[in-house]
Protein backbone atom coordinates (compact mmCIF):
# COMPACT_ATOMS: atom_id res chain seq x y z
CA THR A 1 19.80 28.37 195.01
CA ALA A 2 19.02 25.70 197.65
CA ARG A 3 15.61 27.35 198.15
CA HIS A 4 14.99 27.51 194.39
CA ASP A 5 16.07 23.91 194.12
CA GLN A 6 13.45 22.88 196.66
CA GLU A 7 10.78 25.01 194.97
CA VAL A 8 11.55 23.45 191.58
CA ALA A 9 11.24 19.91 193.02
CA ILE A 10 8.04 20.67 194.99
CA ASN A 11 6.29 22.39 192.05
CA ALA A 12 7.23 19.56 189.69
CA LYS A 13 5.90 16.87 192.06
CA LYS A 14 2.67 18.85 192.54
CA SER A 15 2.05 19.21 188.79
CA LEU A 16 2.88 15.59 187.84
CA PRO A 17 -0.51 13.91 188.53
CA LYS A 18 -2.28 16.29 186.12
CA ILE A 19 0.09 15.80 183.16
CA THR A 20 -0.47 13.24 180.43
CA ASN A 21 1.85 14.60 177.70
CA PRO A 22 4.87 12.21 177.77
CA LEU A 23 7.45 14.95 177.14
CA GLU A 24 6.00 17.23 179.82
CA ARG A 25 5.85 14.26 182.24
CA LEU A 26 9.53 13.40 181.68
CA ARG A 27 10.46 17.08 182.15
CA LEU A 28 8.61 17.15 185.50
CA LEU A 29 10.07 13.78 186.60
CA CYS A 30 13.55 15.27 186.04
CA LEU A 31 12.72 18.56 187.77
CA ALA A 32 11.29 16.61 190.73
CA LYS A 33 14.98 15.77 191.38
CA GLY A 34 15.76 19.52 191.61
CA SER A 35 17.25 22.15 189.30
CA ALA A 36 20.04 19.84 188.14
CA GLY A 37 17.56 17.10 187.15
CA ILE A 38 17.69 17.60 183.38
CA LYS A 39 21.45 18.01 183.45
CA GLY A 40 21.63 14.69 185.34
CA LEU A 41 19.57 12.91 182.70
CA GLY A 42 22.02 14.22 180.08
CA LYS A 43 24.86 12.58 182.01
CA ALA A 44 22.93 9.28 182.21
CA PHE A 45 22.44 9.40 178.42
CA ARG A 46 26.14 10.05 177.89
CA ILE A 47 26.93 6.92 179.90
CA ALA A 48 24.34 4.93 177.91
CA ASP A 49 25.91 6.18 174.64
CA GLY A 50 28.73 3.65 174.79
CA ASN A 51 30.25 4.51 171.39
CA ASN A 52 30.20 8.32 171.89
CA SER A 53 28.05 8.89 168.82
CA ARG A 54 25.83 11.42 170.67
CA THR A 55 22.86 9.48 169.34
CA LEU A 56 20.78 6.83 171.11
CA ASP A 57 18.80 3.88 169.83
CA PHE A 58 15.70 2.84 171.81
CA ASP A 59 17.57 0.36 174.06
CA ALA A 60 20.22 2.94 175.01
CA PHE A 61 17.47 5.54 175.54
CA LEU A 62 15.60 3.19 177.89
CA LYS A 63 18.85 2.28 179.66
CA GLY A 64 19.59 5.99 180.25
CA LEU A 65 16.12 6.60 181.70
CA ARG A 66 16.40 3.55 183.98
CA HIS A 67 19.95 4.41 185.07
CA TYR A 68 18.66 7.81 186.13
CA ALA A 69 15.75 6.13 187.98
CA VAL A 70 13.05 7.95 186.01
CA MET A 71 9.75 6.22 186.71
CA ILE A 72 8.48 5.84 183.18
CA ASN A 73 7.06 2.69 181.60
CA LYS A 74 8.27 1.13 178.37
CA GLU A 75 5.19 2.27 176.39
CA GLU A 76 5.69 5.91 177.48
CA ALA A 77 9.39 5.65 176.67
CA ARG A 78 8.53 4.29 173.20
CA GLU A 79 6.08 7.13 172.59
CA LEU A 80 8.73 9.69 173.62
CA PHE A 81 11.28 8.03 171.40
CA ARG A 82 8.86 8.18 168.43
CA ILE A 83 8.31 11.93 168.97
CA PHE A 84 12.05 12.52 168.63
CA ASP A 85 12.88 10.00 165.95
CA LYS A 86 11.36 12.32 163.34
CA ASP A 87 12.99 10.63 160.35
CA GLY A 88 12.17 7.11 161.59
CA SER A 89 15.87 6.14 161.54
CA GLY A 90 15.67 4.28 164.87
CA THR A 91 18.05 6.72 166.61
CA ILE A 92 17.68 10.14 168.25
CA ASP A 93 20.14 12.98 168.78
CA PHE A 94 20.31 13.33 172.53
CA ASP A 95 21.57 16.95 172.54
CA GLU A 96 18.46 17.91 170.59
CA PHE A 97 16.38 15.81 172.98
CA LEU A 98 17.75 17.61 176.05
CA VAL A 99 17.29 21.07 174.52
CA THR A 100 13.61 20.23 173.89
CA LEU A 101 13.25 18.75 177.38
CA ARG A 102 14.56 21.89 179.10
CA PRO A 103 11.82 24.12 180.50
CA PRO A 104 11.38 26.97 177.99
CA MET A 105 13.45 30.07 178.79
CA SER A 106 13.01 33.52 177.28
CA ASN A 107 15.89 34.87 175.17
CA VAL A 108 16.79 37.47 177.81
CA ARG A 109 17.20 34.69 180.38
CA LYS A 110 19.36 32.62 178.00
CA GLU A 111 21.51 35.70 177.30
CA ILE A 112 22.19 36.43 180.97
CA VAL A 113 23.06 32.74 181.62
CA MET A 114 25.55 32.86 178.72
CA GLN A 115 27.03 36.16 179.98
CA VAL A 116 27.65 34.59 183.38
CA PHE A 117 29.16 31.46 181.82
CA GLN A 118 31.53 33.51 179.65
CA LYS A 119 32.56 35.64 182.62
CA VAL A 120 33.45 32.56 184.70
CA ASP A 121 35.02 30.56 181.85
CA ARG A 122 38.19 32.67 181.74
CA THR A 123 40.06 30.28 179.48
CA GLY A 124 37.20 30.34 176.94
CA ASP A 125 37.35 26.56 176.46
CA GLY A 126 33.62 26.04 177.09
CA VAL A 127 34.15 24.35 180.48
CA ILE A 128 34.11 25.85 184.00
CA THR A 129 36.72 24.28 186.30
CA ILE A 130 38.07 24.90 189.80
CA GLU A 131 40.78 27.07 188.22
CA ASP A 132 38.14 29.30 186.60
CA LEU A 133 36.21 29.60 189.86
CA ARG A 134 39.35 30.52 191.80
CA ARG A 135 39.42 33.86 189.99
CA ILE A 136 35.84 34.79 190.72
CA TYR A 137 34.56 33.00 193.80
CA ASN A 138 36.06 33.75 197.20
CA ALA A 139 36.17 30.52 199.18
CA LYS A 140 37.63 32.21 202.27
CA TYR A 141 34.23 33.38 203.50
CA HIS A 142 32.73 29.91 203.37
CA PRO A 143 31.79 28.72 206.92
CA LYS A 144 33.50 25.34 206.43
CA TYR A 145 36.72 27.05 205.29
CA LEU A 146 36.56 29.46 208.24
CA ASN A 147 36.22 26.65 210.78
CA GLY A 148 39.07 24.67 209.17
CA GLU A 149 36.86 21.79 208.08
CA TRP A 150 37.47 22.28 204.31
CA THR A 151 40.34 23.48 202.15
CA GLU A 152 39.75 26.10 199.43
CA ASP A 153 39.70 23.32 196.79
CA GLN A 154 37.01 21.45 198.74
CA VAL A 155 34.88 24.60 198.84
CA PHE A 156 35.28 25.06 195.06
CA GLY A 157 34.52 21.37 194.48
CA ALA A 158 31.31 21.57 196.55
CA PHE A 159 30.30 24.71 194.65
CA LEU A 160 30.77 22.97 191.28
CA ASP A 161 28.89 19.92 192.59
CA SER A 162 25.81 22.10 193.12
CA PHE A 163 25.51 22.14 189.31
CA SER A 164 25.79 18.37 189.16
CA SER A 165 23.26 15.63 189.65
CA PRO A 166 24.09 13.13 192.43
CA TYR A 167 25.45 10.73 189.75
CA ASP A 168 27.67 13.30 188.10
CA LYS A 169 30.49 14.87 190.06
CA ASP A 170 33.35 15.39 187.63
CA GLY A 171 34.35 18.87 188.89
CA LYS A 172 33.59 20.44 185.50
CA VAL A 173 30.56 22.24 184.08
CA THR A 174 30.02 22.63 180.32
CA THR A 175 27.96 25.40 178.66
CA GLU A 176 25.19 22.89 178.02
CA GLU A 177 25.17 21.69 181.65
CA PHE A 178 25.15 25.28 182.92
CA MET A 179 22.18 26.10 180.68
CA ASN A 180 20.36 22.89 181.69
CA TYR A 181 20.89 23.76 185.37
CA TYR A 182 19.64 27.33 185.06
CA ALA A 183 16.67 26.22 182.94
CA GLY A 184 15.69 24.23 186.04
CA VAL A 185 16.19 27.25 188.33
CA SER A 186 14.33 29.46 185.85
CA ALA A 187 11.26 27.19 186.08
CA SER A 188 10.62 28.45 189.64
CA ILE A 189 11.05 32.16 188.85
CA ASP A 190 8.06 34.03 187.42
CA THR A 191 9.54 37.20 185.96
CA ASP A 192 12.51 37.82 183.67
CA ILE A 193 13.46 40.86 185.75
CA TYR A 194 13.73 38.86 188.97
CA PHE A 195 15.73 36.13 187.21
CA ILE A 196 18.18 38.71 185.79
CA VAL A 197 18.58 40.45 189.17
CA MET A 198 19.22 37.08 190.84
CA MET A 199 21.89 36.14 188.26
CA LYS A 200 23.62 39.53 188.44
CA THR A 201 23.68 39.46 192.24
CA ALA A 202 24.87 35.85 192.51
CA TRP A 203 27.65 36.31 189.95
CA LYS A 204 28.51 40.01 190.51
CA LEU A 205 27.84 40.96 186.86
């Protein structure tokens, strides 16, 4: 996934100068940070949503964008906000916002991502943790474990971090975050078949 991550970032940066649609531009600005870019913006919005309402007014929306260092001016941000504030209430639902921001994925891709998530989430609580990974991911073959540099827990932690943005390392991955991450990966893969093969191989489905 490191290679895909790089591809996602490079393709996004290449496409940016040609794009004028504010939503498409924000999507590319996030993907320019790699596959976890959109997931990272979700985390920044959660921090900006001080009262846990899962909605954002314009100031909190702007704060989330700035916290995540997305280079977008206030006018563009206002235009984006207007697109999402369909009822003119002055607030937007940020889950809905992130779902729309994700690069589109075909249903077969969404299904395989959910199959993988359900396989790993043994407790069925909608969150992948180190305990879940322990049952499925063998840390003992990791080079840093073999040379004594890392413990098993450190290997698991680093693996979970690969789904996180640099600002978001809580050692847990929710369904939404998993989907946001793989929507980023999916953006660099042309065919459904290749995406499915990659997922099955990576997760031994």
